[in-house]
Amino acid sequence: MPAIVGPVKINSVGGGVVNFGDTFYASPKSTDKTASGSGSFNTGDFINTNSGVSSTNPVDPDLFDQLISGNT
């Protein structure tokens, strides 16, 4: 059954996905991968992170995690 969506006003978009109405198939248009150690994305004033011994392994044995080829 089709969905009826009324007037929509979007002032700004900073990222993310918005679906209106019926969605049969949603596929990603871009992908990204980040390898970082513990406490690396902390933001703010006077950050004190005690993580002891930390190790991050950025090696990924599979070449593709999520294919986006063919998505338009």
PDB file of N, CA and C in Angstrom:
ATOM      1  N   MET A   1       0.844  -1.166   0.000  1.00  0.00           N
ATOM      2  CA  MET A   1       0.000   0.000   0.000  1.00  0.00           C
ATOM      3  C   MET A   1       0.893   1.234   0.000  1.00  0.00           C
ATOM      4  N   PRO A   2       0.687   2.168  -0.903  1.00  0.00           N
ATOM      5  CA  PRO A   2       1.535   3.354  -0.965  1.00  0.00           C
ATOM      6  C   PRO A   2       1.350   4.239   0.260  1.00  0.00           C
ATOM      7  N   ALA A   3       2.432   4.872   0.648  1.00  0.00           N
ATOM      8  CA  ALA A   3       2.388   5.798   1.772  1.00  0.00           C
ATOM      9  C   ALA A   3       2.131   7.204   1.259  1.00  0.00           C
ATOM     10  N   ILE A   4       1.401   7.969   2.026  1.00  0.00           N
ATOM     11  CA  ILE A   4       1.123   9.359   1.683  1.00  0.00           C
ATOM     12  C   ILE A   4       1.958  10.227   2.610  1.00  0.00           C
ATOM     13  N   VAL A   5       2.824  11.043   2.012  1.00  0.00           N
ATOM     14  CA  VAL A   5       3.708  11.912   2.773  1.00  0.00           C
ATOM     15  C   VAL A   5       3.320  13.345   2.474  1.00  0.00           C
ATOM     16  N   GLY A   6       3.085  14.114   3.519  1.00  0.00           N
ATOM     17  CA  GLY A   6       2.692  15.514   3.359  1.00  0.00           C
ATOM     18  C   GLY A   6       3.893  16.403   3.074  1.00  0.00           C
ATOM     19  N   PRO A   7       3.710  17.709   3.177  1.00  0.00           N
ATOM     20  CA  PRO A   7       4.802  18.645   2.913  1.00  0.00           C
ATOM     21  C   PRO A   7       5.963  18.444   3.889  1.00  0.00           C
ATOM     22  N   VAL A   8       7.182  18.495   3.365  1.00  0.00           N
ATOM     23  CA  VAL A   8       8.386  18.301   4.178  1.00  0.00           C
ATOM     24  C   VAL A   8       9.349  19.434   3.876  1.00  0.00           C
ATOM     25  N   LYS A   9       9.929  20.023   4.915  1.00  0.00           N
ATOM     26  CA  LYS A   9      10.947  21.055   4.746  1.00  0.00           C
ATOM     27  C   LYS A   9      12.204  20.617   5.477  1.00  0.00           C
ATOM     28  N   ILE A  10      13.304  20.497   4.739  1.00  0.00           N
ATOM     29  CA  ILE A  10      14.593  20.137   5.319  1.00  0.00           C
ATOM     30  C   ILE A  10      15.497  21.348   5.181  1.00  0.00           C
ATOM     31  N   ASN A  11      15.914  21.911   6.312  1.00  0.00           N
ATOM     32  CA  ASN A  11      16.745  23.116   6.283  1.00  0.00           C
ATOM     33  C   ASN A  11      18.204  22.807   5.998  1.00  0.00           C
ATOM     34  N   SER A  12      18.729  21.744   6.576  1.00  0.00           N
ATOM     35  CA  SER A  12      20.121  21.383   6.325  1.00  0.00           C
ATOM     36  C   SER A  12      20.301  19.886   6.552  1.00  0.00           C
ATOM     37  N   VAL A  13      21.301  19.341   5.889  1.00  0.00           N
ATOM     38  CA  VAL A  13      21.618  17.922   6.019  1.00  0.00           C
ATOM     39  C   VAL A  13      23.097  17.799   6.314  1.00  0.00           C
ATOM     40  N   GLY A  14      23.435  17.116   7.402  1.00  0.00           N
ATOM     41  CA  GLY A  14      24.829  16.917   7.765  1.00  0.00           C
ATOM     42  C   GLY A  14      25.299  15.513   7.506  1.00  0.00           C
ATOM     43  N   GLY A  15      24.459  14.685   6.933  1.00  0.00           N
ATOM     44  CA  GLY A  15      24.807  13.295   6.667  1.00  0.00           C
ATOM     45  C   GLY A  15      23.716  12.383   7.168  1.00  0.00           C
ATOM     46  N   GLY A  16      23.713  11.168   6.704  1.00  0.00           N
ATOM     47  CA  GLY A  16      22.711  10.204   7.128  1.00  0.00           C
ATOM     48  C   GLY A  16      21.750   9.853   6.015  1.00  0.00           C
ATOM     49  N   VAL A  17      20.761   9.055   6.338  1.00  0.00           N
ATOM     50  CA  VAL A  17      19.794   8.579   5.361  1.00  0.00           C
ATOM     51  C   VAL A  17      18.400   8.920   5.852  1.00  0.00           C
ATOM     52  N   VAL A  18      17.593   9.472   4.970  1.00  0.00           N
ATOM     53  CA  VAL A  18      16.204   9.775   5.286  1.00  0.00           C
ATOM     54  C   VAL A  18      15.334   9.098   4.241  1.00  0.00           C
ATOM     55  N   ASN A  19      14.383   8.295   4.681  1.00  0.00           N
ATOM     56  CA  ASN A  19      13.459   7.617   3.778  1.00  0.00           C
ATOM     57  C   ASN A  19      12.056   8.139   4.021  1.00  0.00           C
ATOM     58  N   PHE A  20      11.365   8.488   2.944  1.00  0.00           N
ATOM     59  CA  PHE A  20       9.982   8.922   3.026  1.00  0.00           C
ATOM     60  C   PHE A  20       9.128   7.920   2.264  1.00  0.00           C
ATOM     61  N   GLY A  21       8.050   7.493   2.859  1.00  0.00           N
ATOM     62  CA  GLY A  21       7.155   6.571   2.172  1.00  0.00           C
ATOM     63  C   GLY A  21       7.684   5.158   2.167  1.00  0.00           C
ATOM     64  N   ASP A  22       7.266   4.394   1.168  1.00  0.00           N
ATOM     65  CA  ASP A  22       7.649   2.994   1.072  1.00  0.00           C
ATOM     66  C   ASP A  22       9.065   2.882   0.520  1.00  0.00           C
ATOM     67  N   THR A  23       9.836   2.002   1.115  1.00  0.00           N
ATOM     68  CA  THR A  23      11.195   1.749   0.649  1.00  0.00           C
ATOM     69  C   THR A  23      11.333   0.265   0.379  1.00  0.00           C
ATOM     70  N   PHE A  24      11.545  -0.078  -0.878  1.00  0.00           N
ATOM     71  CA  PHE A  24      11.709  -1.490  -1.234  1.00  0.00           C
ATOM     72  C   PHE A  24      13.129  -1.945  -0.983  1.00  0.00           C
ATOM     73  N   TYR A  25      14.093  -1.151  -1.413  1.00  0.00           N
ATOM     74  CA  TYR A  25      15.486  -1.562  -1.300  1.00  0.00           C
ATOM     75  C   TYR A  25      16.340  -0.330  -1.069  1.00  0.00           C
ATOM     76  N   ALA A  26      17.019  -0.257   0.054  1.00  0.00           N
ATOM     77  CA  ALA A  26      17.917   0.853   0.351  1.00  0.00           C
ATOM     78  C   ALA A  26      19.343   0.337   0.301  1.00  0.00           C
ATOM     79  N   SER A  27      20.172   0.968  -0.499  1.00  0.00           N
ATOM     80  CA  SER A  27      21.561   0.532  -0.636  1.00  0.00           C
ATOM     81  C   SER A  27      22.483   1.712  -0.376  1.00  0.00           C
ATOM     82  N   PRO A  28      23.689   1.455   0.144  1.00  0.00           N
ATOM     83  CA  PRO A  28      24.603   2.549   0.444  1.00  0.00           C
ATOM     84  C   PRO A  28      25.172   3.172  -0.823  1.00  0.00           C
ATOM     85  N   LYS A  29      25.408   4.471  -0.768  1.00  0.00           N
ATOM     86  CA  LYS A  29      26.029   5.172  -1.888  1.00  0.00           C
ATOM     87  C   LYS A  29      27.506   5.398  -1.641  1.00  0.00           C
ATOM     88  N   SER A  30      27.952   5.241  -0.420  1.00  0.00           N
ATOM     89  CA  SER A  30      29.373   5.351  -0.107  1.00  0.00           C
ATOM     90  C   SER A  30      29.664   4.520   1.136  1.00  0.00           C
ATOM     91  N   THR A  31      30.896   4.076   1.249  1.00  0.00           N
ATOM     92  CA  THR A  31      31.315   3.308   2.423  1.00  0.00           C
ATOM     93  C   THR A  31      32.640   3.864   2.916  1.00  0.00           C
ATOM     94  N   ASP A  32      32.956   3.574   4.162  1.00  0.00           N
ATOM     95  CA  ASP A  32      34.184   4.060   4.761  1.00  0.00           C
ATOM     96  C   ASP A  32      34.579   3.115   5.883  1.00  0.00           C
ATOM     97  N   LYS A  33      35.872   3.009   6.128  1.00  0.00           N
ATOM     98  CA  LYS A  33      36.358   2.164   7.213  1.00  0.00           C
ATOM     99  C   LYS A  33      37.451   2.913   7.953  1.00  0.00           C
ATOM    100  N   THR A  34      37.389   2.885   9.263  1.00  0.00           N
ATOM    101  CA  THR A  34      38.368   3.578  10.086  1.00  0.00           C
ATOM    102  C   THR A  34      38.893   2.637  11.150  1.00  0.00           C
ATOM    103  N   ALA A  35      40.197   2.554  11.263  1.00  0.00           N
ATOM    104  CA  ALA A  35      40.830   1.776  12.324  1.00  0.00           C
ATOM    105  C   ALA A  35      41.497   2.756  13.277  1.00  0.00           C
ATOM    106  N   SER A  36      41.119   2.712  14.553  1.00  0.00           N
ATOM    107  CA  SER A  36      41.693   3.633  15.528  1.00  0.00           C
ATOM    108  C   SER A  36      41.797   2.934  16.873  1.00  0.00           C
ATOM    109  N   GLY A  37      42.709   3.399  17.675  1.00  0.00           N
ATOM    110  CA  GLY A  37      42.936   2.807  18.983  1.00  0.00           C
ATOM    111  C   GLY A  37      41.969   3.303  20.031  1.00  0.00           C
ATOM    112  N   SER A  38      42.099   2.763  21.228  1.00  0.00           N
ATOM    113  CA  SER A  38      41.175   3.133  22.297  1.00  0.00           C
ATOM    114  C   SER A  38      41.397   4.581  22.721  1.00  0.00           C
ATOM    115  N   GLY A  39      40.317   5.304  22.894  1.00  0.00           N
ATOM    116  CA  GLY A  39      40.388   6.686  23.327  1.00  0.00           C
ATOM    117  C   GLY A  39      40.805   7.668  22.251  1.00  0.00           C
ATOM    118  N   SER A  40      40.811   7.270  20.985  1.00  0.00           N
ATOM    119  CA  SER A  40      41.322   8.160  19.944  1.00  0.00           C
ATOM    120  C   SER A  40      40.298   9.168  19.463  1.00  0.00           C
ATOM    121  N   PHE A  41      39.006   8.935  19.655  1.00  0.00           N
ATOM    122  CA  PHE A  41      37.984   9.869  19.189  1.00  0.00           C
ATOM    123  C   PHE A  41      37.405  10.698  20.323  1.00  0.00           C
ATOM    124  N   ASN A  42      38.093  10.808  21.422  1.00  0.00           N
ATOM    125  CA  ASN A  42      37.624  11.646  22.517  1.00  0.00           C
ATOM    126  C   ASN A  42      37.788  13.114  22.144  1.00  0.00           C
ATOM    127  N   THR A  43      36.768  13.901  22.402  1.00  0.00           N
ATOM    128  CA  THR A  43      36.853  15.336  22.134  1.00  0.00           C
ATOM    129  C   THR A  43      36.435  16.095  23.380  1.00  0.00           C
ATOM    130  N   GLY A  44      36.957  17.279  23.533  1.00  0.00           N
ATOM    131  CA  GLY A  44      36.597  18.104  24.678  1.00  0.00           C
ATOM    132  C   GLY A  44      37.829  18.682  25.327  1.00  0.00           C
ATOM    133  N   ASP A  45      37.610  19.398  26.409  1.00  0.00           N
ATOM    134  CA  ASP A  45      38.706  20.017  27.144  1.00  0.00           C
ATOM    135  C   ASP A  45      39.155  19.085  28.260  1.00  0.00           C
ATOM    136  N   PHE A  46      40.446  18.986  28.454  1.00  0.00           N
ATOM    137  CA  PHE A  46      41.053  18.247  29.563  1.00  0.00           C
ATOM    138  C   PHE A  46      40.673  16.770  29.561  1.00  0.00           C
ATOM    139  N   ILE A  47      40.916  16.093  28.443  1.00  0.00           N
ATOM    140  CA  ILE A  47      40.641  14.659  28.332  1.00  0.00           C
ATOM    141  C   ILE A  47      41.784  13.883  28.981  1.00  0.00           C
ATOM    142  N   ASN A  48      41.430  12.927  29.826  1.00  0.00           N
ATOM    143  CA  ASN A  48      42.417  12.046  30.452  1.00  0.00           C
ATOM    144  C   ASN A  48      41.944  10.615  30.242  1.00  0.00           C
ATOM    145  N   THR A  49      42.593   9.896  29.335  1.00  0.00           N
ATOM    146  CA  THR A  49      42.199   8.526  29.017  1.00  0.00           C
ATOM    147  C   THR A  49      43.307   7.581  29.440  1.00  0.00           C
ATOM    148  N   ASN A  50      42.999   6.672  30.340  1.00  0.00           N
ATOM    149  CA  ASN A  50      43.956   5.657  30.788  1.00  0.00           C
ATOM    150  C   ASN A  50      43.506   4.311  30.241  1.00  0.00           C
ATOM    151  N   SER A  51      44.129   3.882  29.157  1.00  0.00           N
ATOM    152  CA  SER A  51      43.707   2.635  28.532  1.00  0.00           C
ATOM    153  C   SER A  51      44.721   1.515  28.684  1.00  0.00           C
ATOM    154  N   GLY A  52      45.817   1.763  29.380  1.00  0.00           N
ATOM    155  CA  GLY A  52      46.818   0.719  29.555  1.00  0.00           C
ATOM    156  C   GLY A  52      47.480   0.378  28.221  1.00  0.00           C
ATOM    157  N   VAL A  53      47.704  -0.881  27.987  1.00  0.00           N
ATOM    158  CA  VAL A  53      48.300  -1.330  26.730  1.00  0.00           C
ATOM    159  C   VAL A  53      47.180  -1.532  25.723  1.00  0.00           C
ATOM    160  N   SER A  54      47.266  -0.854  24.589  1.00  0.00           N
ATOM    161  CA  SER A  54      46.229  -0.926  23.579  1.00  0.00           C
ATOM    162  C   SER A  54      46.862  -1.211  22.227  1.00  0.00           C
ATOM    163  N   SER A  55      46.187  -2.027  21.433  1.00  0.00           N
ATOM    164  CA  SER A  55      46.689  -2.350  20.103  1.00  0.00           C
ATOM    165  C   SER A  55      45.515  -2.397  19.130  1.00  0.00           C
ATOM    166  N   THR A  56      45.707  -1.795  17.954  1.00  0.00           N
ATOM    167  CA  THR A  56      44.685  -1.802  16.919  1.00  0.00           C
ATOM    168  C   THR A  56      45.247  -2.502  15.692  1.00  0.00           C
ATOM    169  N   ASN A  57      44.521  -3.484  15.190  1.00  0.00           N
ATOM    170  CA  ASN A  57      44.961  -4.240  14.024  1.00  0.00           C
ATOM    171  C   ASN A  57      44.165  -3.775  12.804  1.00  0.00           C
ATOM    172  N   PRO A  58      44.777  -2.967  11.914  1.00  0.00           N
ATOM    173  CA  PRO A  58      44.042  -2.480  10.745  1.00  0.00           C
ATOM    174  C   PRO A  58      44.025  -3.456   9.566  1.00  0.00           C
ATOM    175  N   VAL A  59      44.594  -4.652   9.742  1.00  0.00           N
ATOM    176  CA  VAL A  59      44.642  -5.627   8.651  1.00  0.00           C
ATOM    177  C   VAL A  59      43.256  -6.245   8.483  1.00  0.00           C
ATOM    178  N   ASP A  60      42.758  -6.239   7.251  1.00  0.00           N
ATOM    179  CA  ASP A  60      41.447  -6.792   6.939  1.00  0.00           C
ATOM    180  C   ASP A  60      41.625  -7.865   5.869  1.00  0.00           C
ATOM    181  N   PRO A  61      41.400  -9.131   6.189  1.00  0.00           N
ATOM    182  CA  PRO A  61      41.663 -10.198   5.216  1.00  0.00           C
ATOM    183  C   PRO A  61      40.708 -10.211   4.023  1.00  0.00           C
ATOM    184  N   ASP A  62      39.455  -9.790   4.220  1.00  0.00           N
ATOM    185  CA  ASP A  62      38.559  -9.736   3.064  1.00  0.00           C
ATOM    186  C   ASP A  62      38.721  -8.384   2.377  1.00  0.00           C
ATOM    187  N   LEU A  63      38.667  -8.393   1.057  1.00  0.00           N
ATOM    188  CA  LEU A  63      38.944  -7.176   0.308  1.00  0.00           C
ATOM    189  C   LEU A  63      37.774  -6.199   0.326  1.00  0.00           C
ATOM    190  N   PHE A  64      36.551  -6.703   0.319  1.00  0.00           N
ATOM    191  CA  PHE A  64      35.385  -5.841   0.229  1.00  0.00           C
ATOM    192  C   PHE A  64      34.425  -6.161   1.365  1.00  0.00           C
ATOM    193  N   ASP A  65      34.031  -5.139   2.116  1.00  0.00           N
ATOM    194  CA  ASP A  65      33.082  -5.332   3.201  1.00  0.00           C
ATOM    195  C   ASP A  65      31.649  -5.123   2.729  1.00  0.00           C
ATOM    196  N   GLN A  66      31.420  -4.098   1.938  1.00  0.00           N
ATOM    197  CA  GLN A  66      30.088  -3.812   1.435  1.00  0.00           C
ATOM    198  C   GLN A  66      30.233  -3.197   0.056  1.00  0.00           C
ATOM    199  N   LEU A  67      29.803  -3.927  -0.961  1.00  0.00           N
ATOM    200  CA  LEU A  67      29.950  -3.475  -2.326  1.00  0.00           C
ATOM    201  C   LEU A  67      28.932  -2.388  -2.658  1.00  0.00           C
ATOM    202  N   ILE A  68      29.393  -1.364  -3.363  1.00  0.00           N
ATOM    203  CA  ILE A  68      28.484  -0.295  -3.796  1.00  0.00           C
ATOM    204  C   ILE A  68      28.466  -0.182  -5.311  1.00  0.00           C
ATOM    205  N   SER A  69      29.094  -1.109  -6.013  1.00  0.00           N
ATOM    206  CA  SER A  69      29.118  -1.033  -7.470  1.00  0.00           C
ATOM    207  C   SER A  69      27.712  -1.296  -8.017  1.00  0.00           C
ATOM    208  N   GLY A  70      27.340  -0.551  -9.005  1.00  0.00           N
ATOM    209  CA  GLY A  70      26.021  -0.712  -9.607  1.00  0.00           C
ATOM    210  C   GLY A  70      24.942   0.113  -8.944  1.00  0.00           C
ATOM    211  N   ASN A  71      25.238   0.780  -7.841  1.00  0.00           N
ATOM    212  CA  ASN A  71      24.257   1.635  -7.175  1.00  0.00           C
ATOM    213  C   ASN A  71      24.249   3.000  -7.834  1.00  0.00           C
ATOM    214  N   THR A  72      23.091   3.450  -8.213  1.00  0.00           N
ATOM    215  CA  THR A  72      23.013   4.778  -8.809  1.00  0.00           C
ATOM    216  C   THR A  72      22.099   5.660  -8.000  1.00  0.00           C
TER     217      THR A  72
END
